[in-house]
Amino acid sequence: MKVLLFLILSLFVFSCKNASAPNEQTSEAPQTEEAAKVDETGPEFTSAYICPMHCKGSGSEKPGICPACGMDYVMNDKKGDDGHDHEGHDHEGHEH
C-alpha cells in the first residue's frame, strides 16, 4: 500500500513539475511595442522585387531568386512597375 501511495504521489509531483516547465522556458520579459517593430528600410523591403519571407539582405531591382531561402522574388506591392516608390504620395498633378 505504501508503494502504491508513493507511486501516486511521485506521478503527481513529476506531472506538476513538467506542466510548469514550459512557463519557465518562456518567462522572458514581454516584448514592448517598440521592440516588436521591424526595420523596413533594408533592401528586403524596399527593392522592386522582394522575397515573400523578407530574408535579410535579399531583394533586387530585377526578378530572381532569394539567395537565403531559394524562393522566387515577387514584385513589391509598395513600388510601381517603374520601381518608383509611391508610398506617401500619388501622381495627382504630375507625371513620371
PDB file of N, CA and C in Angstrom:
ATOM      1  N   MET A   1       0.830  -1.193   0.000  1.00  0.00           N
ATOM      2  CA  MET A   1       0.000   0.000   0.000  1.00  0.00           C
ATOM      3  C   MET A   1       0.878   1.262   0.000  1.00  0.00           C
ATOM      4  N   LYS A   2       1.974   1.237   0.778  1.00  0.00           N
ATOM      5  CA  LYS A   2       2.860   2.385   0.841  1.00  0.00           C
ATOM      6  C   LYS A   2       3.521   2.626  -0.517  1.00  0.00           C
ATOM      7  N   VAL A   3       3.837   1.551  -1.216  1.00  0.00           N
ATOM      8  CA  VAL A   3       4.463   1.676  -2.523  1.00  0.00           C
ATOM      9  C   VAL A   3       3.490   2.323  -3.511  1.00  0.00           C
ATOM     10  N   LEU A   4       2.250   1.922  -3.477  1.00  0.00           N
ATOM     11  CA  LEU A   4       1.230   2.480  -4.351  1.00  0.00           C
ATOM     12  C   LEU A   4       1.041   3.975  -4.070  1.00  0.00           C
ATOM     13  N   LEU A   5       0.977   4.340  -2.813  1.00  0.00           N
ATOM     14  CA  LEU A   5       0.831   5.733  -2.419  1.00  0.00           C
ATOM     15  C   LEU A   5       2.049   6.544  -2.872  1.00  0.00           C
ATOM     16  N   PHE A   6       3.239   5.967  -2.723  1.00  0.00           N
ATOM     17  CA  PHE A   6       4.468   6.626  -3.163  1.00  0.00           C
ATOM     18  C   PHE A   6       4.450   6.858  -4.676  1.00  0.00           C
ATOM     19  N   LEU A   7       4.015   5.868  -5.444  1.00  0.00           N
ATOM     20  CA  LEU A   7       3.947   5.999  -6.896  1.00  0.00           C
ATOM     21  C   LEU A   7       2.957   7.082  -7.313  1.00  0.00           C
ATOM     22  N   ILE A   8       1.823   7.115  -6.663  1.00  0.00           N
ATOM     23  CA  ILE A   8       0.812   8.122  -6.994  1.00  0.00           C
ATOM     24  C   ILE A   8       1.327   9.526  -6.686  1.00  0.00           C
ATOM     25  N   LEU A   9       1.947   9.685  -5.523  1.00  0.00           N
ATOM     26  CA  LEU A   9       2.494  10.982  -5.151  1.00  0.00           C
ATOM     27  C   LEU A   9       3.633  11.383  -6.092  1.00  0.00           C
ATOM     28  N   SER A  10       4.462  10.423  -6.458  1.00  0.00           N
ATOM     29  CA  SER A  10       5.562  10.706  -7.375  1.00  0.00           C
ATOM     30  C   SER A  10       5.043  11.163  -8.730  1.00  0.00           C
ATOM     31  N   LEU A  11       4.036  10.481  -9.256  1.00  0.00           N
ATOM     32  CA  LEU A  11       3.447  10.875 -10.532  1.00  0.00           C
ATOM     33  C   LEU A  11       2.857  12.282 -10.443  1.00  0.00           C
ATOM     34  N   PHE A  12       2.198  12.573  -9.343  1.00  0.00           N
ATOM     35  CA  PHE A  12       1.605  13.892  -9.163  1.00  0.00           C
ATOM     36  C   PHE A  12       2.687  14.977  -9.133  1.00  0.00           C
ATOM     37  N   VAL A  13       3.739  14.750  -8.393  1.00  0.00           N
ATOM     38  CA  VAL A  13       4.816  15.735  -8.275  1.00  0.00           C
ATOM     39  C   VAL A  13       5.502  15.937  -9.616  1.00  0.00           C
ATOM     40  N   PHE A  14       5.828  14.844 -10.311  1.00  0.00           N
ATOM     41  CA  PHE A  14       6.514  14.965 -11.593  1.00  0.00           C
ATOM     42  C   PHE A  14       5.610  15.570 -12.662  1.00  0.00           C
ATOM     43  N   SER A  15       4.326  15.254 -12.641  1.00  0.00           N
ATOM     44  CA  SER A  15       3.435  15.828 -13.649  1.00  0.00           C
ATOM     45  C   SER A  15       3.248  17.316 -13.400  1.00  0.00           C
ATOM     46  N   CYS A  16       3.195  17.751 -12.172  1.00  0.00           N
ATOM     47  CA  CYS A  16       3.093  19.183 -11.888  1.00  0.00           C
ATOM     48  C   CYS A  16       4.374  19.905 -12.266  1.00  0.00           C
ATOM     49  N   LYS A  17       5.497  19.292 -12.030  1.00  0.00           N
ATOM     50  CA  LYS A  17       6.779  19.900 -12.368  1.00  0.00           C
ATOM     51  C   LYS A  17       6.905  20.057 -13.878  1.00  0.00           C
ATOM     52  N   ASN A  18       6.485  19.065 -14.653  1.00  0.00           N
ATOM     53  CA  ASN A  18       6.569  19.131 -16.107  1.00  0.00           C
ATOM     54  C   ASN A  18       5.590  20.154 -16.670  1.00  0.00           C
ATOM     55  N   ALA A  19       4.447  20.308 -16.043  1.00  0.00           N
ATOM     56  CA  ALA A  19       3.463  21.268 -16.523  1.00  0.00           C
ATOM     57  C   ALA A  19       3.985  22.686 -16.383  1.00  0.00           C
ATOM     58  N   SER A  20       4.811  22.950 -15.395  1.00  0.00           N
ATOM     59  CA  SER A  20       5.329  24.298 -15.217  1.00  0.00           C
ATOM     60  C   SER A  20       6.595  24.543 -16.030  1.00  0.00           C
ATOM     61  N   ALA A  21       7.189  23.508 -16.586  1.00  0.00           N
ATOM     62  CA  ALA A  21       8.436  23.668 -17.330  1.00  0.00           C
ATOM     63  C   ALA A  21       8.300  24.597 -18.543  1.00  0.00           C
ATOM     64  N   PRO A  22       7.234  24.481 -19.361  1.00  0.00           N
ATOM     65  CA  PRO A  22       7.140  25.402 -20.497  1.00  0.00           C
ATOM     66  C   PRO A  22       7.073  26.864 -20.059  1.00  0.00           C
ATOM     67  N   ASN A  23       6.425  27.147 -18.942  1.00  0.00           N
ATOM     68  CA  ASN A  23       6.342  28.519 -18.466  1.00  0.00           C
ATOM     69  C   ASN A  23       7.705  29.039 -18.050  1.00  0.00           C
ATOM     70  N   GLU A  24       8.529  28.157 -17.506  1.00  0.00           N
ATOM     71  CA  GLU A  24       9.870  28.570 -17.109  1.00  0.00           C
ATOM     72  C   GLU A  24      10.695  28.927 -18.334  1.00  0.00           C
ATOM     73  N   GLN A  25      10.512  28.195 -19.423  1.00  0.00           N
ATOM     74  CA  GLN A  25      11.285  28.451 -20.631  1.00  0.00           C
ATOM     75  C   GLN A  25      10.841  29.728 -21.317  1.00  0.00           C
ATOM     76  N   THR A  26       9.561  30.075 -21.223  1.00  0.00           N
ATOM     77  CA  THR A  26       9.039  31.248 -21.901  1.00  0.00           C
ATOM     78  C   THR A  26       8.829  32.408 -20.945  1.00  0.00           C
ATOM     79  N   SER A  27       9.565  32.441 -19.849  1.00  0.00           N
ATOM     80  CA  SER A  27       9.372  33.501 -18.871  1.00  0.00           C
ATOM     81  C   SER A  27      10.207  34.737 -19.203  1.00  0.00           C
ATOM     82  N   GLU A  28      10.500  34.937 -20.507  1.00  0.00           N
ATOM     83  CA  GLU A  28      11.227  36.118 -20.922  1.00  0.00           C
ATOM     84  C   GLU A  28      10.336  37.336 -20.731  1.00  0.00           C
ATOM     85  N   ALA A  29      10.964  38.482 -20.628  1.00  0.00           N
ATOM     86  CA  ALA A  29      10.195  39.714 -20.491  1.00  0.00           C
ATOM     87  C   ALA A  29       9.371  39.924 -21.755  1.00  0.00           C
ATOM     88  N   PRO A  30       8.126  40.331 -21.619  1.00  0.00           N
ATOM     89  CA  PRO A  30       7.297  40.528 -22.807  1.00  0.00           C
ATOM     90  C   PRO A  30       7.860  41.653 -23.668  1.00  0.00           C
ATOM     91  N   GLN A  31       7.753  41.481 -24.990  1.00  0.00           N
ATOM     92  CA  GLN A  31       8.271  42.486 -25.898  1.00  0.00           C
ATOM     93  C   GLN A  31       7.401  43.735 -25.837  1.00  0.00           C
ATOM     94  N   THR A  32       8.048  44.866 -25.856  1.00  0.00           N
ATOM     95  CA  THR A  32       7.303  46.110 -25.932  1.00  0.00           C
ATOM     96  C   THR A  32       6.908  46.333 -27.376  1.00  0.00           C
ATOM     97  N   GLU A  33       5.994  47.232 -27.592  1.00  0.00           N
ATOM     98  CA  GLU A  33       5.544  47.513 -28.946  1.00  0.00           C
ATOM     99  C   GLU A  33       6.698  48.035 -29.801  1.00  0.00           C
ATOM    100  N   GLU A  34       7.581  48.843 -29.199  1.00  0.00           N
ATOM    101  CA  GLU A  34       8.741  49.358 -29.922  1.00  0.00           C
ATOM    102  C   GLU A  34       9.692  48.248 -30.338  1.00  0.00           C
ATOM    103  N   ALA A  35       9.934  47.287 -29.433  1.00  0.00           N
ATOM    104  CA  ALA A  35      10.863  46.198 -29.720  1.00  0.00           C
ATOM    105  C   ALA A  35      10.313  45.268 -30.793  1.00  0.00           C
ATOM    106  N   ALA A  36       8.986  45.193 -30.925  1.00  0.00           N
ATOM    107  CA  ALA A  36       8.368  44.294 -31.886  1.00  0.00           C
ATOM    108  C   ALA A  36       8.358  44.882 -33.300  1.00  0.00           C
ATOM    109  N   LYS A  37       8.629  46.179 -33.457  1.00  0.00           N
ATOM    110  CA  LYS A  37       8.638  46.800 -34.770  1.00  0.00           C
ATOM    111  C   LYS A  37       9.793  46.256 -35.604  1.00  0.00           C
ATOM    112  N   VAL A  38       9.540  46.093 -36.892  1.00  0.00           N
ATOM    113  CA  VAL A  38      10.527  45.558 -37.816  1.00  0.00           C
ATOM    114  C   VAL A  38      11.125  46.713 -38.603  1.00  0.00           C
ATOM    115  N   ASP A  39      12.440  46.711 -38.772  1.00  0.00           N
ATOM    116  CA  ASP A  39      13.112  47.718 -39.578  1.00  0.00           C
ATOM    117  C   ASP A  39      12.834  47.415 -41.046  1.00  0.00           C
ATOM    118  N   GLU A  40      12.044  48.250 -41.690  1.00  0.00           N
ATOM    119  CA  GLU A  40      11.652  48.027 -43.077  1.00  0.00           C
ATOM    120  C   GLU A  40      12.413  48.930 -44.041  1.00  0.00           C
ATOM    121  N   THR A  41      13.650  49.299 -43.687  1.00  0.00           N
ATOM    122  CA  THR A  41      14.426  50.183 -44.554  1.00  0.00           C
ATOM    123  C   THR A  41      15.445  49.435 -45.410  1.00  0.00           C
ATOM    124  N   GLY A  42      15.614  48.153 -45.176  1.00  0.00           N
ATOM    125  CA  GLY A  42      16.587  47.367 -45.932  1.00  0.00           C
ATOM    126  C   GLY A  42      16.068  46.962 -47.299  1.00  0.00           C
ATOM    127  N   PRO A  43      16.949  46.422 -48.141  1.00  0.00           N
ATOM    128  CA  PRO A  43      16.552  46.032 -49.492  1.00  0.00           C
ATOM    129  C   PRO A  43      15.496  44.929 -49.516  1.00  0.00           C
ATOM    130  N   GLU A  44      15.397  44.152 -48.440  1.00  0.00           N
ATOM    131  CA  GLU A  44      14.377  43.098 -48.395  1.00  0.00           C
ATOM    132  C   GLU A  44      12.958  43.668 -48.330  1.00  0.00           C
ATOM    133  N   PHE A  45      12.826  44.984 -48.094  1.00  0.00           N
ATOM    134  CA  PHE A  45      11.522  45.648 -48.071  1.00  0.00           C
ATOM    135  C   PHE A  45      11.404  46.729 -49.140  1.00  0.00           C
ATOM    136  N   THR A  46      12.510  47.314 -49.592  1.00  0.00           N
ATOM    137  CA  THR A  46      12.458  48.495 -50.453  1.00  0.00           C
ATOM    138  C   THR A  46      12.770  48.226 -51.921  1.00  0.00           C
ATOM    139  N   SER A  47      13.259  47.054 -52.266  1.00  0.00           N
ATOM    140  CA  SER A  47      13.606  46.740 -53.663  1.00  0.00           C
ATOM    141  C   SER A  47      12.347  46.554 -54.498  1.00  0.00           C
ATOM    142  N   ALA A  48      12.508  46.639 -55.811  1.00  0.00           N
ATOM    143  CA  ALA A  48      11.382  46.432 -56.725  1.00  0.00           C
ATOM    144  C   ALA A  48      10.871  44.993 -56.642  1.00  0.00           C
ATOM    145  N   TYR A  49      11.784  44.037 -56.440  1.00  0.00           N
ATOM    146  CA  TYR A  49      11.421  42.628 -56.280  1.00  0.00           C
ATOM    147  C   TYR A  49      11.954  42.158 -54.941  1.00  0.00           C
ATOM    148  N   ILE A  50      11.083  41.554 -54.146  1.00  0.00           N
ATOM    149  CA  ILE A  50      11.449  41.151 -52.787  1.00  0.00           C
ATOM    150  C   ILE A  50      11.089  39.694 -52.530  1.00  0.00           C
ATOM    151  N   CYS A  51      11.748  39.118 -51.547  1.00  0.00           N
ATOM    152  CA  CYS A  51      11.426  37.753 -51.114  1.00  0.00           C
ATOM    153  C   CYS A  51      10.150  37.817 -50.276  1.00  0.00           C
ATOM    154  N   PRO A  52       9.203  36.906 -50.486  1.00  0.00           N
ATOM    155  CA  PRO A  52       7.983  36.895 -49.674  1.00  0.00           C
ATOM    156  C   PRO A  52       8.276  36.720 -48.176  1.00  0.00           C
ATOM    157  N   MET A  53       9.434  36.127 -47.856  1.00  0.00           N
ATOM    158  CA  MET A  53       9.798  35.920 -46.454  1.00  0.00           C
ATOM    159  C   MET A  53      10.632  37.084 -45.909  1.00  0.00           C
ATOM    160  N   HIS A  54      10.939  38.072 -46.742  1.00  0.00           N
ATOM    161  CA  HIS A  54      11.741  39.237 -46.353  1.00  0.00           C
ATOM    162  C   HIS A  54      13.064  38.815 -45.701  1.00  0.00           C
ATOM    163  N   CYS A  55      13.743  37.865 -46.319  1.00  0.00           N
ATOM    164  CA  CYS A  55      15.038  37.407 -45.797  1.00  0.00           C
ATOM    165  C   CYS A  55      16.023  38.568 -45.768  1.00  0.00           C
ATOM    166  N   LYS A  56      16.790  38.650 -44.704  1.00  0.00           N
ATOM    167  CA  LYS A  56      17.740  39.744 -44.518  1.00  0.00           C
ATOM    168  C   LYS A  56      18.702  39.826 -45.701  1.00  0.00           C
ATOM    169  N   GLY A  57      18.826  41.028 -46.263  1.00  0.00           N
ATOM    170  CA  GLY A  57      19.756  41.258 -47.359  1.00  0.00           C
ATOM    171  C   GLY A  57      19.255  40.835 -48.724  1.00  0.00           C
ATOM    172  N   SER A  58      18.058  40.267 -48.819  1.00  0.00           N
ATOM    173  CA  SER A  58      17.543  39.866 -50.125  1.00  0.00           C
ATOM    174  C   SER A  58      16.879  41.066 -50.787  1.00  0.00           C
ATOM    175  N   GLY A  59      16.456  40.906 -52.019  1.00  0.00           N
ATOM    176  CA  GLY A  59      15.806  41.972 -52.764  1.00  0.00           C
ATOM    177  C   GLY A  59      16.631  42.338 -53.977  1.00  0.00           C
ATOM    178  N   SER A  60      15.934  42.744 -55.040  1.00  0.00           N
ATOM    179  CA  SER A  60      16.617  43.059 -56.286  1.00  0.00           C
ATOM    180  C   SER A  60      15.753  44.020 -57.096  1.00  0.00           C
ATOM    181  N   GLU A  61      16.371  44.683 -58.036  1.00  0.00           N
ATOM    182  CA  GLU A  61      15.621  45.535 -58.960  1.00  0.00           C
ATOM    183  C   GLU A  61      15.128  44.725 -60.163  1.00  0.00           C
ATOM    184  N   LYS A  62      15.524  43.449 -60.241  1.00  0.00           N
ATOM    185  CA  LYS A  62      15.098  42.553 -61.314  1.00  0.00           C
ATOM    186  C   LYS A  62      14.521  41.280 -60.700  1.00  0.00           C
ATOM    187  N   PRO A  63      13.650  40.559 -61.430  1.00  0.00           N
ATOM    188  CA  PRO A  63      13.147  39.277 -60.916  1.00  0.00           C
ATOM    189  C   PRO A  63      14.315  38.324 -60.653  1.00  0.00           C
ATOM    190  N   GLY A  64      14.135  37.442 -59.694  1.00  0.00           N
ATOM    191  CA  GLY A  64      15.196  36.485 -59.383  1.00  0.00           C
ATOM    192  C   GLY A  64      14.790  35.560 -58.258  1.00  0.00           C
ATOM    193  N   ILE A  65      15.784  34.985 -57.619  1.00  0.00           N
ATOM    194  CA  ILE A  65      15.573  34.025 -56.541  1.00  0.00           C
ATOM    195  C   ILE A  65      16.298  34.517 -55.298  1.00  0.00           C
ATOM    196  N   CYS A  66      15.668  34.385 -54.160  1.00  0.00           N
ATOM    197  CA  CYS A  66      16.270  34.795 -52.887  1.00  0.00           C
ATOM    198  C   CYS A  66      17.472  33.905 -52.589  1.00  0.00           C
ATOM    199  N   PRO A  67      18.638  34.498 -52.348  1.00  0.00           N
ATOM    200  CA  PRO A  67      19.815  33.695 -52.055  1.00  0.00           C
ATOM    201  C   PRO A  67      19.755  33.024 -50.685  1.00  0.00           C
ATOM    202  N   ALA A  68      18.925  33.519 -49.789  1.00  0.00           N
ATOM    203  CA  ALA A  68      18.849  32.948 -48.440  1.00  0.00           C
ATOM    204  C   ALA A  68      17.931  31.739 -48.363  1.00  0.00           C
ATOM    205  N   CYS A  69      16.728  31.833 -48.985  1.00  0.00           N
ATOM    206  CA  CYS A  69      15.764  30.731 -48.828  1.00  0.00           C
ATOM    207  C   CYS A  69      15.407  30.032 -50.131  1.00  0.00           C
ATOM    208  N   GLY A  70      15.788  30.607 -51.286  1.00  0.00           N
ATOM    209  CA  GLY A  70      15.534  29.958 -52.568  1.00  0.00           C
ATOM    210  C   GLY A  70      14.161  30.227 -53.155  1.00  0.00           C
ATOM    211  N   MET A  71      13.347  31.064 -52.504  1.00  0.00           N
ATOM    212  CA  MET A  71      12.027  31.380 -53.057  1.00  0.00           C
ATOM    213  C   MET A  71      12.161  32.392 -54.188  1.00  0.00           C
ATOM    214  N   ASP A  72      11.210  32.366 -55.121  1.00  0.00           N
ATOM    215  CA  ASP A  72      11.198  33.351 -56.195  1.00  0.00           C
ATOM    216  C   ASP A  72      10.831  34.715 -55.624  1.00  0.00           C
ATOM    217  N   TYR A  73      11.515  35.756 -56.117  1.00  0.00           N
ATOM    218  CA  TYR A  73      11.145  37.114 -55.746  1.00  0.00           C
ATOM    219  C   TYR A  73       9.761  37.437 -56.299  1.00  0.00           C
ATOM    220  N   VAL A  74       9.044  38.294 -55.602  1.00  0.00           N
ATOM    221  CA  VAL A  74       7.754  38.791 -56.068  1.00  0.00           C
ATOM    222  C   VAL A  74       7.859  40.309 -56.193  1.00  0.00           C
ATOM    223  N   MET A  75       7.001  40.886 -57.033  1.00  0.00           N
ATOM    224  CA  MET A  75       7.021  42.328 -57.196  1.00  0.00           C
ATOM    225  C   MET A  75       6.580  42.973 -55.884  1.00  0.00           C
ATOM    226  N   ASN A  76       7.291  44.001 -55.500  1.00  0.00           N
ATOM    227  CA  ASN A  76       6.993  44.721 -54.269  1.00  0.00           C
ATOM    228  C   ASN A  76       5.728  45.541 -54.485  1.00  0.00           C
ATOM    229  N   ASP A  77       4.683  45.274 -53.702  1.00  0.00           N
ATOM    230  CA  ASP A  77       3.419  45.992 -53.824  1.00  0.00           C
ATOM    231  C   ASP A  77       3.561  47.467 -53.474  1.00  0.00           C
ATOM    232  N   LYS A  78       4.571  47.828 -52.717  1.00  0.00           N
ATOM    233  CA  LYS A  78       4.760  49.216 -52.313  1.00  0.00           C
ATOM    234  C   LYS A  78       5.472  50.034 -53.367  1.00  0.00           C
ATOM    235  N   LYS A  79       5.883  49.403 -54.456  1.00  0.00           N
ATOM    236  CA  LYS A  79       6.549  50.111 -55.559  1.00  0.00           C
ATOM    237  C   LYS A  79       5.752  49.880 -56.827  1.00  0.00           C
ATOM    238  N   GLY A  80       5.805  50.827 -57.732  1.00  0.00           N
ATOM    239  CA  GLY A  80       5.141  50.674 -59.019  1.00  0.00           C
ATOM    240  C   GLY A  80       5.975  49.843 -59.964  1.00  0.00           C
ATOM    241  N   ASP A  81       5.465  49.598 -61.151  1.00  0.00           N
ATOM    242  CA  ASP A  81       6.181  48.819 -62.158  1.00  0.00           C
ATOM    243  C   ASP A  81       7.497  49.476 -62.548  1.00  0.00           C
ATOM    244  N   ASP A  82       7.575  50.823 -62.425  1.00  0.00           N
ATOM    245  CA  ASP A  82       8.787  51.518 -62.824  1.00  0.00           C
ATOM    246  C   ASP A  82       9.829  51.564 -61.721  1.00  0.00           C
ATOM    247  N   GLY A  83       9.551  50.967 -60.563  1.00  0.00           N
ATOM    248  CA  GLY A  83      10.488  50.956 -59.455  1.00  0.00           C
ATOM    249  C   GLY A  83      10.413  52.204 -58.597  1.00  0.00           C
ATOM    250  N   HIS A  84       9.533  53.144 -58.966  1.00  0.00           N
ATOM    251  CA  HIS A  84       9.379  54.381 -58.203  1.00  0.00           C
ATOM    252  C   HIS A  84       8.536  54.106 -56.970  1.00  0.00           C
ATOM    253  N   ASP A  85       8.978  54.569 -55.825  1.00  0.00           N
ATOM    254  CA  ASP A  85       8.270  54.368 -54.567  1.00  0.00           C
ATOM    255  C   ASP A  85       7.083  55.318 -54.496  1.00  0.00           C
ATOM    256  N   HIS A  86       5.867  54.773 -54.426  1.00  0.00           N
ATOM    257  CA  HIS A  86       4.661  55.590 -54.381  1.00  0.00           C
ATOM    258  C   HIS A  86       4.122  55.768 -52.975  1.00  0.00           C
ATOM    259  N   GLU A  87       4.818  55.291 -52.009  1.00  0.00           N
ATOM    260  CA  GLU A  87       4.344  55.403 -50.639  1.00  0.00           C
ATOM    261  C   GLU A  87       4.374  56.870 -50.198  1.00  0.00           C
ATOM    262  N   GLY A  88       3.270  57.365 -49.694  1.00  0.00           N
ATOM    263  CA  GLY A  88       3.211  58.721 -49.172  1.00  0.00           C
ATOM    264  C   GLY A  88       2.726  59.760 -50.163  1.00  0.00           C
ATOM    265  N   HIS A  89       2.563  59.408 -51.461  1.00  0.00           N
ATOM    266  CA  HIS A  89       2.031  60.371 -52.420  1.00  0.00           C
ATOM    267  C   HIS A  89       1.432  59.630 -53.605  1.00  0.00           C
ATOM    268  N   ASP A  90       0.662  60.383 -54.406  1.00  0.00           N
ATOM    269  CA  ASP A  90       0.119  59.813 -55.630  1.00  0.00           C
ATOM    270  C   ASP A  90       0.620  60.647 -56.813  1.00  0.00           C
ATOM    271  N   HIS A  91       0.072  60.421 -57.983  1.00  0.00           N
ATOM    272  CA  HIS A  91       0.534  61.122 -59.174  1.00  0.00           C
ATOM    273  C   HIS A  91      -0.340  62.316 -59.533  1.00  0.00           C
ATOM    274  N   GLU A  92      -1.198  62.731 -58.648  1.00  0.00           N
ATOM    275  CA  GLU A  92      -2.066  63.861 -58.926  1.00  0.00           C
ATOM    276  C   GLU A  92      -1.231  65.124 -59.120  1.00  0.00           C
ATOM    277  N   GLY A  93      -1.399  65.751 -60.261  1.00  0.00           N
ATOM    278  CA  GLY A  93      -0.694  66.998 -60.524  1.00  0.00           C
ATOM    279  C   GLY A  93       0.672  66.835 -61.168  1.00  0.00           C
ATOM    280  N   HIS A  94       1.143  65.619 -61.346  1.00  0.00           N
ATOM    281  CA  HIS A  94       2.426  65.414 -62.024  1.00  0.00           C
ATOM    282  C   HIS A  94       2.503  64.008 -62.600  1.00  0.00           C
ATOM    283  N   GLU A  95       3.343  63.879 -63.602  1.00  0.00           N
ATOM    284  CA  GLU A  95       3.522  62.577 -64.273  1.00  0.00           C
ATOM    285  C   GLU A  95       4.996  62.184 -64.206  1.00  0.00           C
ATOM    286  N   HIS A  96       5.245  60.915 -63.966  1.00  0.00           N
ATOM    287  CA  HIS A  96       6.612  60.359 -64.083  1.00  0.00           C
ATOM    288  C   HIS A  96       6.565  58.881 -64.086  1.00  0.00           C
TER     289      HIS A  96
END
